[in-house]
Amino acid sequence: MTIRAEHELHRRRFGRNLGVGLALLALAAVVFGLTIVKVETGGSLEAFDHSYRPGLAERAGERR
């Protein structure tokens, strides 16, 4: 039979680890939510890659 007393340091460390884990989970949820909204609204999914994009040229012509 082993006697194990939990030290205060372990409880504080667990609390900090839990806080960091929840913060990371919240960040992942926000990024996931923004991604879902972007895909569902059908916004432009083209990336900026220094090349000609006809979709942007057509939209720019419509504003004039």
PDB file of N, CA and C in Angstrom:
ATOM      1  N   MET A   1       0.846  -1.159   0.000  1.00  0.00           N
ATOM      2  CA  MET A   1       0.000   0.000   0.000  1.00  0.00           C
ATOM      3  C   MET A   1       0.903   1.238   0.000  1.00  0.00           C
ATOM      4  N   THR A   2       0.667   2.104  -0.966  1.00  0.00           N
ATOM      5  CA  THR A   2       1.481   3.301  -1.125  1.00  0.00           C
ATOM      6  C   THR A   2       0.750   4.503  -0.545  1.00  0.00           C
ATOM      7  N   ILE A   3       1.506   5.300   0.188  1.00  0.00           N
ATOM      8  CA  ILE A   3       0.950   6.536   0.739  1.00  0.00           C
ATOM      9  C   ILE A   3       1.372   7.674  -0.184  1.00  0.00           C
ATOM     10  N   ARG A   4       0.380   8.345  -0.761  1.00  0.00           N
ATOM     11  CA  ARG A   4       0.685   9.454  -1.673  1.00  0.00           C
ATOM     12  C   ARG A   4      -0.076  10.681  -1.227  1.00  0.00           C
ATOM     13  N   ALA A   5       0.629  11.639  -0.778  1.00  0.00           N
ATOM     14  CA  ALA A   5       0.016  12.910  -0.404  1.00  0.00           C
ATOM     15  C   ALA A   5       0.250  13.885  -1.555  1.00  0.00           C
ATOM     16  N   GLU A   6      -0.817  14.513  -2.038  1.00  0.00           N
ATOM     17  CA  GLU A   6      -0.688  15.460  -3.136  1.00  0.00           C
ATOM     18  C   GLU A   6      -0.171  16.786  -2.587  1.00  0.00           C
ATOM     19  N   HIS A   7       0.875  17.231  -3.166  1.00  0.00           N
ATOM     20  CA  HIS A   7       1.493  18.474  -2.737  1.00  0.00           C
ATOM     21  C   HIS A   7       0.726  19.660  -3.324  1.00  0.00           C
ATOM     22  N   GLU A   8       0.792  20.807  -2.681  1.00  0.00           N
ATOM     23  CA  GLU A   8       0.107  22.010  -3.146  1.00  0.00           C
ATOM     24  C   GLU A   8       0.599  22.424  -4.530  1.00  0.00           C
ATOM     25  N   LEU A   9       1.865  22.188  -4.800  1.00  0.00           N
ATOM     26  CA  LEU A   9       2.451  22.531  -6.091  1.00  0.00           C
ATOM     27  C   LEU A   9       1.724  21.812  -7.224  1.00  0.00           C
ATOM     28  N   HIS A  10       1.349  20.563  -7.012  1.00  0.00           N
ATOM     29  CA  HIS A  10       0.651  19.803  -8.037  1.00  0.00           C
ATOM     30  C   HIS A  10      -0.730  20.385  -8.314  1.00  0.00           C
ATOM     31  N   ARG A  11      -1.431  20.827  -7.293  1.00  0.00           N
ATOM     32  CA  ARG A  11      -2.749  21.425  -7.484  1.00  0.00           C
ATOM     33  C   ARG A  11      -2.642  22.752  -8.236  1.00  0.00           C
ATOM     34  N   ARG A  12      -1.667  23.577  -7.890  1.00  0.00           N
ATOM     35  CA  ARG A  12      -1.491  24.853  -8.600  1.00  0.00           C
ATOM     36  C   ARG A  12      -1.106  24.614 -10.054  1.00  0.00           C
ATOM     37  N   ARG A  13      -0.206  23.664 -10.283  1.00  0.00           N
ATOM     38  CA  ARG A  13       0.232  23.359 -11.641  1.00  0.00           C
ATOM     39  C   ARG A  13      -0.941  22.841 -12.474  1.00  0.00           C
ATOM     40  N   PHE A  14      -1.781  21.991 -11.882  1.00  0.00           N
ATOM     41  CA  PHE A  14      -2.950  21.480 -12.589  1.00  0.00           C
ATOM     42  C   PHE A  14      -3.902  22.618 -12.953  1.00  0.00           C
ATOM     43  N   GLY A  15      -4.085  23.560 -12.041  1.00  0.00           N
ATOM     44  CA  GLY A  15      -4.958  24.705 -12.317  1.00  0.00           C
ATOM     45  C   GLY A  15      -4.452  25.536 -13.473  1.00  0.00           C
ATOM     46  N   ARG A  16      -3.157  25.773 -13.509  1.00  0.00           N
ATOM     47  CA  ARG A  16      -2.566  26.540 -14.614  1.00  0.00           C
ATOM     48  C   ARG A  16      -2.681  25.771 -15.927  1.00  0.00           C
ATOM     49  N   ASN A  17      -2.392  24.474 -15.881  1.00  0.00           N
ATOM     50  CA  ASN A  17      -2.498  23.655 -17.090  1.00  0.00           C
ATOM     51  C   ASN A  17      -3.927  23.618 -17.610  1.00  0.00           C
ATOM     52  N   LEU A  18      -4.881  23.553 -16.713  1.00  0.00           N
ATOM     53  CA  LEU A  18      -6.279  23.556 -17.113  1.00  0.00           C
ATOM     54  C   LEU A  18      -6.644  24.891 -17.760  1.00  0.00           C
ATOM     55  N   GLY A  19      -6.166  25.985 -17.207  1.00  0.00           N
ATOM     56  CA  GLY A  19      -6.419  27.304 -17.783  1.00  0.00           C
ATOM     57  C   GLY A  19      -5.828  27.449 -19.176  1.00  0.00           C
ATOM     58  N   VAL A  20      -4.600  27.006 -19.353  1.00  0.00           N
ATOM     59  CA  VAL A  20      -3.957  27.085 -20.668  1.00  0.00           C
ATOM     60  C   VAL A  20      -4.686  26.185 -21.658  1.00  0.00           C
ATOM     61  N   GLY A  21      -5.083  25.010 -21.224  1.00  0.00           N
ATOM     62  CA  GLY A  21      -5.818  24.098 -22.100  1.00  0.00           C
ATOM     63  C   GLY A  21      -7.148  24.670 -22.538  1.00  0.00           C
ATOM     64  N   LEU A  22      -7.873  25.294 -21.610  1.00  0.00           N
ATOM     65  CA  LEU A  22      -9.152  25.906 -21.963  1.00  0.00           C
ATOM     66  C   LEU A  22      -8.965  27.092 -22.905  1.00  0.00           C
ATOM     67  N   ALA A  23      -7.898  27.865 -22.696  1.00  0.00           N
ATOM     68  CA  ALA A  23      -7.617  28.995 -23.587  1.00  0.00           C
ATOM     69  C   ALA A  23      -7.303  28.501 -25.006  1.00  0.00           C
ATOM     70  N   LEU A  24      -6.528  27.437 -25.115  1.00  0.00           N
ATOM     71  CA  LEU A  24      -6.220  26.874 -26.434  1.00  0.00           C
ATOM     72  C   LEU A  24      -7.467  26.312 -27.101  1.00  0.00           C
ATOM     73  N   LEU A  25      -8.308  25.673 -26.320  1.00  0.00           N
ATOM     74  CA  LEU A  25      -9.562  25.140 -26.848  1.00  0.00           C
ATOM     75  C   LEU A  25     -10.466  26.266 -27.346  1.00  0.00           C
ATOM     76  N   ALA A  26     -10.529  27.363 -26.605  1.00  0.00           N
ATOM     77  CA  ALA A  26     -11.331  28.510 -27.028  1.00  0.00           C
ATOM     78  C   ALA A  26     -10.785  29.114 -28.317  1.00  0.00           C
ATOM     79  N   LEU A  27      -9.475  29.230 -28.435  1.00  0.00           N
ATOM     80  CA  LEU A  27      -8.863  29.766 -29.645  1.00  0.00           C
ATOM     81  C   LEU A  27      -9.168  28.877 -30.848  1.00  0.00           C
ATOM     82  N   ALA A  28      -9.055  27.570 -30.662  1.00  0.00           N
ATOM     83  CA  ALA A  28      -9.362  26.639 -31.750  1.00  0.00           C
ATOM     84  C   ALA A  28     -10.830  26.740 -32.147  1.00  0.00           C
ATOM     85  N   ALA A  29     -11.716  26.908 -31.177  1.00  0.00           N
ATOM     86  CA  ALA A  29     -13.147  27.035 -31.471  1.00  0.00           C
ATOM     87  C   ALA A  29     -13.432  28.313 -32.259  1.00  0.00           C
ATOM     88  N   VAL A  30     -12.777  29.405 -31.919  1.00  0.00           N
ATOM     89  CA  VAL A  30     -12.974  30.665 -32.646  1.00  0.00           C
ATOM     90  C   VAL A  30     -12.479  30.532 -34.085  1.00  0.00           C
ATOM     91  N   VAL A  31     -11.304  29.964 -34.273  1.00  0.00           N
ATOM     92  CA  VAL A  31     -10.765  29.787 -35.627  1.00  0.00           C
ATOM     93  C   VAL A  31     -11.668  28.867 -36.440  1.00  0.00           C
ATOM     94  N   PHE A  32     -12.130  27.776 -35.836  1.00  0.00           N
ATOM     95  CA  PHE A  32     -13.028  26.854 -36.525  1.00  0.00           C
ATOM     96  C   PHE A  32     -14.331  27.546 -36.889  1.00  0.00           C
ATOM     97  N   GLY A  33     -14.886  28.313 -35.971  1.00  0.00           N
ATOM     98  CA  GLY A  33     -16.128  29.027 -36.236  1.00  0.00           C
ATOM     99  C   GLY A  33     -15.987  30.029 -37.367  1.00  0.00           C
ATOM    100  N   LEU A  34     -14.899  30.779 -37.372  1.00  0.00           N
ATOM    101  CA  LEU A  34     -14.660  31.745 -38.453  1.00  0.00           C
ATOM    102  C   LEU A  34     -14.496  31.040 -39.795  1.00  0.00           C
ATOM    103  N   THR A  35     -13.852  29.896 -39.787  1.00  0.00           N
ATOM    104  CA  THR A  35     -13.677  29.130 -41.017  1.00  0.00           C
ATOM    105  C   THR A  35     -15.018  28.652 -41.546  1.00  0.00           C
ATOM    106  N   ILE A  36     -15.858  28.136 -40.664  1.00  0.00           N
ATOM    107  CA  ILE A  36     -17.173  27.654 -41.084  1.00  0.00           C
ATOM    108  C   ILE A  36     -18.009  28.809 -41.650  1.00  0.00           C
ATOM    109  N   VAL A  37     -17.986  29.953 -40.994  1.00  0.00           N
ATOM    110  CA  VAL A  37     -18.749  31.111 -41.480  1.00  0.00           C
ATOM    111  C   VAL A  37     -18.234  31.546 -42.846  1.00  0.00           C
ATOM    112  N   LYS A  38     -16.937  31.579 -43.038  1.00  0.00           N
ATOM    113  CA  LYS A  38     -16.350  31.992 -44.308  1.00  0.00           C
ATOM    114  C   LYS A  38     -16.762  31.048 -45.431  1.00  0.00           C
ATOM    115  N   VAL A  39     -16.752  29.742 -45.165  1.00  0.00           N
ATOM    116  CA  VAL A  39     -17.101  28.763 -46.191  1.00  0.00           C
ATOM    117  C   VAL A  39     -18.596  28.813 -46.493  1.00  0.00           C
ATOM    118  N   GLU A  40     -19.424  28.946 -45.479  1.00  0.00           N
ATOM    119  CA  GLU A  40     -20.871  28.939 -45.693  1.00  0.00           C
ATOM    120  C   GLU A  40     -21.377  30.185 -46.401  1.00  0.00           C
ATOM    121  N   THR A  41     -20.738  31.330 -46.179  1.00  0.00           N
ATOM    122  CA  THR A  41     -21.197  32.551 -46.835  1.00  0.00           C
ATOM    123  C   THR A  41     -20.755  32.619 -48.286  1.00  0.00           C
ATOM    124  N   GLY A  42     -19.879  31.720 -48.708  1.00  0.00           N
ATOM    125  CA  GLY A  42     -19.456  31.677 -50.103  1.00  0.00           C
ATOM    126  C   GLY A  42     -18.560  32.822 -50.494  1.00  0.00           C
ATOM    127  N   GLY A  43     -17.840  33.370 -49.546  1.00  0.00           N
ATOM    128  CA  GLY A  43     -16.928  34.466 -49.837  1.00  0.00           C
ATOM    129  C   GLY A  43     -15.784  34.011 -50.727  1.00  0.00           C
ATOM    130  N   SER A  44     -15.019  34.959 -51.181  1.00  0.00           N
ATOM    131  CA  SER A  44     -13.879  34.646 -52.034  1.00  0.00           C
ATOM    132  C   SER A  44     -12.876  33.797 -51.261  1.00  0.00           C
ATOM    133  N   LEU A  45     -12.580  32.643 -51.790  1.00  0.00           N
ATOM    134  CA  LEU A  45     -11.633  31.760 -51.128  1.00  0.00           C
ATOM    135  C   LEU A  45     -10.267  31.810 -51.805  1.00  0.00           C
ATOM    136  N   GLU A  46     -10.065  32.782 -52.687  1.00  0.00           N
ATOM    137  CA  GLU A  46      -8.792  32.911 -53.371  1.00  0.00           C
ATOM    138  C   GLU A  46      -7.769  33.544 -52.441  1.00  0.00           C
ATOM    139  N   ALA A  47      -6.559  33.043 -52.505  1.00  0.00           N
ATOM    140  CA  ALA A  47      -5.497  33.578 -51.662  1.00  0.00           C
ATOM    141  C   ALA A  47      -4.710  34.641 -52.423  1.00  0.00           C
ATOM    142  N   PHE A  48      -4.040  35.496 -51.687  1.00  0.00           N
ATOM    143  CA  PHE A  48      -3.203  36.524 -52.302  1.00  0.00           C
ATOM    144  C   PHE A  48      -1.868  35.886 -52.672  1.00  0.00           C
ATOM    145  N   ASP A  49      -1.649  35.715 -53.976  1.00  0.00           N
ATOM    146  CA  ASP A  49      -0.424  35.041 -54.413  1.00  0.00           C
ATOM    147  C   ASP A  49       0.301  35.800 -55.525  1.00  0.00           C
ATOM    148  N   HIS A  50       0.060  37.110 -55.636  1.00  0.00           N
ATOM    149  CA  HIS A  50       0.736  37.966 -56.614  1.00  0.00           C
ATOM    150  C   HIS A  50       0.472  37.523 -58.046  1.00  0.00           C
ATOM    151  N   SER A  51      -0.708  37.026 -58.307  1.00  0.00           N
ATOM    152  CA  SER A  51      -1.053  36.636 -59.666  1.00  0.00           C
ATOM    153  C   SER A  51      -2.394  37.269 -60.050  1.00  0.00           C
ATOM    154  N   TYR A  52      -2.686  37.264 -61.339  1.00  0.00           N
ATOM    155  CA  TYR A  52      -3.926  37.836 -61.848  1.00  0.00           C
ATOM    156  C   TYR A  52      -5.108  36.981 -61.395  1.00  0.00           C
ATOM    157  N   ARG A  53      -6.126  37.647 -60.850  1.00  0.00           N
ATOM    158  CA  ARG A  53      -7.330  36.932 -60.418  1.00  0.00           C
ATOM    159  C   ARG A  53      -8.530  37.543 -61.131  1.00  0.00           C
ATOM    160  N   PRO A  54      -9.093  36.820 -62.068  1.00  0.00           N
ATOM    161  CA  PRO A  54     -10.219  37.369 -62.833  1.00  0.00           C
ATOM    162  C   PRO A  54     -11.413  37.743 -61.956  1.00  0.00           C
ATOM    163  N   GLY A  55     -11.633  37.021 -60.889  1.00  0.00           N
ATOM    164  CA  GLY A  55     -12.761  37.314 -60.017  1.00  0.00           C
ATOM    165  C   GLY A  55     -12.683  38.710 -59.433  1.00  0.00           C
ATOM    166  N   LEU A  56     -11.493  39.139 -59.060  1.00  0.00           N
ATOM    167  CA  LEU A  56     -11.332  40.481 -58.511  1.00  0.00           C
ATOM    168  C   LEU A  56     -11.415  41.544 -59.599  1.00  0.00           C
ATOM    169  N   ALA A  57     -10.907  41.240 -60.785  1.00  0.00           N
ATOM    170  CA  ALA A  57     -10.954  42.212 -61.877  1.00  0.00           C
ATOM    171  C   ALA A  57     -12.395  42.456 -62.296  1.00  0.00           C
ATOM    172  N   GLU A  58     -13.224  41.408 -62.322  1.00  0.00           N
ATOM    173  CA  GLU A  58     -14.623  41.562 -62.696  1.00  0.00           C
ATOM    174  C   GLU A  58     -15.366  42.410 -61.665  1.00  0.00           C
ATOM    175  N   ARG A  59     -15.094  42.180 -60.404  1.00  0.00           N
ATOM    176  CA  ARG A  59     -15.754  42.965 -59.353  1.00  0.00           C
ATOM    177  C   ARG A  59     -15.317  44.419 -59.396  1.00  0.00           C
ATOM    178  N   ALA A  60     -14.063  44.657 -59.711  1.00  0.00           N
ATOM    179  CA  ALA A  60     -13.565  46.031 -59.776  1.00  0.00           C
ATOM    180  C   ALA A  60     -14.216  46.762 -60.962  1.00  0.00           C
ATOM    181  N   GLY A  61     -14.452  46.067 -62.053  1.00  0.00           N
ATOM    182  CA  GLY A  61     -15.092  46.661 -63.227  1.00  0.00           C
ATOM    183  C   GLY A  61     -16.539  46.981 -62.985  1.00  0.00           C
ATOM    184  N   GLU A  62     -17.212  46.208 -62.134  1.00  0.00           N
ATOM    185  CA  GLU A  62     -18.630  46.433 -61.857  1.00  0.00           C
ATOM    186  C   GLU A  62     -18.848  47.703 -61.033  1.00  0.00           C
ATOM    187  N   ARG A  63     -17.879  48.077 -60.210  1.00  0.00           N
ATOM    188  CA  ARG A  63     -18.037  49.249 -59.345  1.00  0.00           C
ATOM    189  C   ARG A  63     -17.950  50.544 -60.119  1.00  0.00           C
ATOM    190  N   ARG A  64     -17.316  50.537 -61.249  1.00  0.00           N
ATOM    191  CA  ARG A  64     -17.097  51.777 -62.003  1.00  0.00           C
ATOM    192  C   ARG A  64     -18.342  52.270 -62.641  1.00  0.00           C
TER     193      ARG A  64
END
